[in-house]
Amino acid sequence: QVQLVESGGGLVQAGGSLRLSCAASEGSFWRWTMGWFRQVGGKDRDFVAAVTWNGGRLYYAESAKGRFTISRENAKSTVYLQMNNLKPEDTAVYYCAAARGGDYSTTTAYDYWGQGTQVTVSS
């Protein structure tokens, strides 16, 4: 069982930056592809970014390209999401997740999820 704990959310003005962190409890963190998703209200959880086990491949949603950067430190069992030039439409609860395989842009590929961290961007 992998436990994921996100942190780093908060309130920021448009144009500002935040860095989200997600710490994993399990030692085999390095084996997992890690992803970030976000969710607004009762809507579907949307893919934001993913990084493969060794950081060799990065995947981004179109809305994240050029503004967000996903990275990981396997020695710390932590994945990050650096978010720059934030916009009000980025307001959501952000979740990190761990996957063994599959289409990393879909929620069904992920086996474990964190509890989420709120990001609010004011205009």
C-alpha atoms as a PDB file:
ATOM      1  CA  GLN A   1       0.000   0.000   0.000  1.00  0.00           C
ATOM      2  CA  VAL A   2       1.400   3.371  -1.063  1.00  0.00           C
ATOM      3  CA  GLN A   3       0.381   6.466   0.857  1.00  0.00           C
ATOM      4  CA  LEU A   4       0.759   9.796  -0.889  1.00  0.00           C
ATOM      5  CA  VAL A   5       0.648  13.140   0.889  1.00  0.00           C
ATOM      6  CA  GLU A   6       0.445  16.386  -1.059  1.00  0.00           C
ATOM      7  CA  SER A   7       1.470  19.788   0.233  1.00  0.00           C
ATOM      8  CA  GLY A   8       2.193  23.255  -1.064  1.00  0.00           C
ATOM      9  CA  GLY A   9      -1.241  24.404  -2.113  1.00  0.00           C
ATOM     10  CA  GLY A  10      -2.634  27.781  -1.174  1.00  0.00           C
ATOM     11  CA  LEU A  11      -3.939  31.115  -2.369  1.00  0.00           C
ATOM     12  CA  VAL A  12      -1.950  33.034  -4.941  1.00  0.00           C
ATOM     13  CA  GLN A  13      -2.618  35.945  -7.261  1.00  0.00           C
ATOM     14  CA  ALA A  14      -2.783  35.484 -10.996  1.00  0.00           C
ATOM     15  CA  GLY A  15       0.716  35.425 -12.461  1.00  0.00           C
ATOM     16  CA  GLY A  16       2.173  33.969  -9.289  1.00  0.00           C
ATOM     17  CA  SER A  17       3.809  30.612  -8.630  1.00  0.00           C
ATOM     18  CA  LEU A  18       3.379  27.629  -6.369  1.00  0.00           C
ATOM     19  CA  ARG A  19       5.292  24.400  -5.951  1.00  0.00           C
ATOM     20  CA  LEU A  20       3.340  21.337  -4.965  1.00  0.00           C
ATOM     21  CA  SER A  21       5.041  18.375  -3.337  1.00  0.00           C
ATOM     22  CA  CYS A  22       3.877  14.815  -2.968  1.00  0.00           C
ATOM     23  CA  ALA A  23       5.677  12.506  -0.573  1.00  0.00           C
ATOM     24  CA  ALA A  24       5.266   8.748  -0.809  1.00  0.00           C
ATOM     25  CA  SER A  25       5.428   6.469   2.188  1.00  0.00           C
ATOM     26  CA  GLU A  26       6.656   3.408   0.395  1.00  0.00           C
ATOM     27  CA  GLY A  27      10.243   2.544  -0.423  1.00  0.00           C
ATOM     28  CA  SER A  28       9.577   1.340  -3.945  1.00  0.00           C
ATOM     29  CA  PHE A  29       8.519   4.822  -5.020  1.00  0.00           C
ATOM     30  CA  TRP A  30      11.190   4.757  -7.713  1.00  0.00           C
ATOM     31  CA  ARG A  31       9.280   2.049  -9.589  1.00  0.00           C
ATOM     32  CA  TRP A  32       6.159   4.119 -10.117  1.00  0.00           C
ATOM     33  CA  THR A  33       5.203   6.610 -12.744  1.00  0.00           C
ATOM     34  CA  MET A  34       3.858   9.621 -10.864  1.00  0.00           C
ATOM     35  CA  GLY A  35       1.141  11.945 -12.069  1.00  0.00           C
ATOM     36  CA  TRP A  36      -0.671  15.110 -11.080  1.00  0.00           C
ATOM     37  CA  PHE A  37      -4.370  15.635 -11.705  1.00  0.00           C
ATOM     38  CA  ARG A  38      -6.755  18.383 -10.737  1.00  0.00           C
ATOM     39  CA  GLN A  39     -10.440  18.535 -10.012  1.00  0.00           C
ATOM     40  CA  VAL A  40     -12.968  21.350  -9.794  1.00  0.00           C
ATOM     41  CA  GLY A  41     -16.075  20.661  -7.744  1.00  0.00           C
ATOM     42  CA  GLY A  42     -17.895  17.577  -8.897  1.00  0.00           C
ATOM     43  CA  LYS A  43     -16.301  17.510 -12.324  1.00  0.00           C
ATOM     44  CA  ASP A  44     -13.975  14.808 -13.595  1.00  0.00           C
ATOM     45  CA  ARG A  45     -10.408  14.719 -12.443  1.00  0.00           C
ATOM     46  CA  ASP A  46      -8.231  16.141 -15.242  1.00  0.00           C
ATOM     47  CA  PHE A  47      -4.711  15.135 -16.125  1.00  0.00           C
ATOM     48  CA  VAL A  48      -2.037  17.780 -15.555  1.00  0.00           C
ATOM     49  CA  ALA A  49       1.377  16.102 -15.816  1.00  0.00           C
ATOM     50  CA  ALA A  50       3.216  12.810 -15.358  1.00  0.00           C
ATOM     51  CA  VAL A  51       6.806  11.658 -14.985  1.00  0.00           C
ATOM     52  CA  THR A  52       8.180   8.162 -15.540  1.00  0.00           C
ATOM     53  CA  TRP A  53      10.117   6.246 -12.903  1.00  0.00           C
ATOM     54  CA  ASN A  54      13.522   7.707 -13.701  1.00  0.00           C
ATOM     55  CA  GLY A  55      12.365  11.117 -14.827  1.00  0.00           C
ATOM     56  CA  GLY A  56      13.241  10.243 -18.373  1.00  0.00           C
ATOM     57  CA  ARG A  57       9.851  11.013 -19.857  1.00  0.00           C
ATOM     58  CA  LEU A  58       7.558  13.885 -19.001  1.00  0.00           C
ATOM     59  CA  TYR A  59       3.974  14.309 -20.088  1.00  0.00           C
ATOM     60  CA  TYR A  60       1.866  17.458 -19.869  1.00  0.00           C
ATOM     61  CA  ALA A  61      -1.674  18.503 -20.571  1.00  0.00           C
ATOM     62  CA  GLU A  62      -1.924  21.297 -23.108  1.00  0.00           C
ATOM     63  CA  SER A  63      -3.052  23.667 -20.380  1.00  0.00           C
ATOM     64  CA  ALA A  64       0.137  22.961 -18.416  1.00  0.00           C
ATOM     65  CA  LYS A  65       2.727  23.135 -21.174  1.00  0.00           C
ATOM     66  CA  GLY A  66       5.116  26.033 -20.820  1.00  0.00           C
ATOM     67  CA  ARG A  67       3.908  26.933 -17.329  1.00  0.00           C
ATOM     68  CA  PHE A  68       4.136  23.775 -15.189  1.00  0.00           C
ATOM     69  CA  THR A  69       7.102  21.515 -14.592  1.00  0.00           C
ATOM     70  CA  ILE A  70       6.920  18.066 -13.060  1.00  0.00           C
ATOM     71  CA  SER A  71       9.994  16.533 -11.454  1.00  0.00           C
ATOM     72  CA  ARG A  72      10.893  13.870  -8.939  1.00  0.00           C
ATOM     73  CA  GLU A  73      13.541  12.986  -6.394  1.00  0.00           C
ATOM     74  CA  ASN A  74      13.549   9.234  -5.914  1.00  0.00           C
ATOM     75  CA  ALA A  75      15.977   9.488  -3.008  1.00  0.00           C
ATOM     76  CA  LYS A  76      13.309  11.495  -1.166  1.00  0.00           C
ATOM     77  CA  SER A  77      10.331   9.569  -2.560  1.00  0.00           C
ATOM     78  CA  THR A  78       8.883  12.888  -3.638  1.00  0.00           C
ATOM     79  CA  VAL A  79       7.386  14.295  -6.801  1.00  0.00           C
ATOM     80  CA  TYR A  80       6.941  18.003  -7.436  1.00  0.00           C
ATOM     81  CA  LEU A  81       4.812  20.230  -9.600  1.00  0.00           C
ATOM     82  CA  GLN A  82       6.219  23.696 -10.154  1.00  0.00           C
ATOM     83  CA  MET A  83       3.434  25.964 -11.364  1.00  0.00           C
ATOM     84  CA  ASN A  84       4.287  29.359 -12.817  1.00  0.00           C
ATOM     85  CA  ASN A  85       2.196  32.108 -14.343  1.00  0.00           C
ATOM     86  CA  LEU A  86      -0.882  30.778 -12.601  1.00  0.00           C
ATOM     87  CA  LYS A  87      -4.309  31.697 -13.911  1.00  0.00           C
ATOM     88  CA  PRO A  88      -7.701  31.772 -12.195  1.00  0.00           C
ATOM     89  CA  GLU A  89      -8.718  28.757 -14.274  1.00  0.00           C
ATOM     90  CA  ASP A  90      -5.959  26.755 -12.565  1.00  0.00           C
ATOM     91  CA  THR A  91      -8.009  26.897  -9.368  1.00  0.00           C
ATOM     92  CA  ALA A  92      -8.716  23.306  -8.323  1.00  0.00           C
ATOM     93  CA  VAL A  93      -7.850  20.568  -5.898  1.00  0.00           C
ATOM     94  CA  TYR A  94      -4.601  18.994  -7.074  1.00  0.00           C
ATOM     95  CA  TYR A  95      -3.960  15.298  -6.568  1.00  0.00           C
ATOM     96  CA  CYS A  96      -0.855  13.244  -7.032  1.00  0.00           C
ATOM     97  CA  ALA A  97      -1.083   9.603  -7.997  1.00  0.00           C
ATOM     98  CA  ALA A  98       1.089   6.560  -8.592  1.00  0.00           C
ATOM     99  CA  ALA A  99       0.830   4.192 -11.538  1.00  0.00           C
ATOM    100  CA  ARG A 100       2.418   0.923 -12.587  1.00  0.00           C
ATOM    101  CA  GLY A 101       1.532   1.316 -16.239  1.00  0.00           C
ATOM    102  CA  GLY A 102      -1.091   2.260 -18.782  1.00  0.00           C
ATOM    103  CA  ASP A 103      -2.155   5.544 -20.299  1.00  0.00           C
ATOM    104  CA  TYR A 104      -0.757   8.031 -17.838  1.00  0.00           C
ATOM    105  CA  SER A 105      -3.159  10.730 -18.884  1.00  0.00           C
ATOM    106  CA  THR A 106      -6.143   8.762 -17.579  1.00  0.00           C
ATOM    107  CA  THR A 107      -7.194   8.271 -13.986  1.00  0.00           C
ATOM    108  CA  THR A 108      -7.700   4.549 -14.534  1.00  0.00           C
ATOM    109  CA  ALA A 109      -3.962   4.004 -14.941  1.00  0.00           C
ATOM    110  CA  TYR A 110      -3.290   5.053 -11.349  1.00  0.00           C
ATOM    111  CA  ASP A 111      -3.373   2.726  -8.403  1.00  0.00           C
ATOM    112  CA  TYR A 112      -2.869   5.131  -5.504  1.00  0.00           C
ATOM    113  CA  TRP A 113      -3.985   8.676  -4.844  1.00  0.00           C
ATOM    114  CA  GLY A 114      -3.229  11.382  -2.343  1.00  0.00           C
ATOM    115  CA  GLN A 115      -5.855  13.344  -0.461  1.00  0.00           C
ATOM    116  CA  GLY A 116      -5.412  16.476  -2.557  1.00  0.00           C
ATOM    117  CA  THR A 117      -4.290  20.028  -1.932  1.00  0.00           C
ATOM    118  CA  GLN A 118      -6.306  23.130  -2.781  1.00  0.00           C
ATOM    119  CA  VAL A 119      -4.888  25.702  -5.162  1.00  0.00           C
ATOM    120  CA  THR A 120      -6.774  28.974  -5.495  1.00  0.00           C
ATOM    121  CA  VAL A 121      -5.711  31.637  -7.961  1.00  0.00           C
ATOM    122  CA  SER A 122      -7.281  35.043  -7.566  1.00  0.00           C
ATOM    123  CA  SER A 123      -7.665  37.473 -10.434  1.00  0.00           C
END
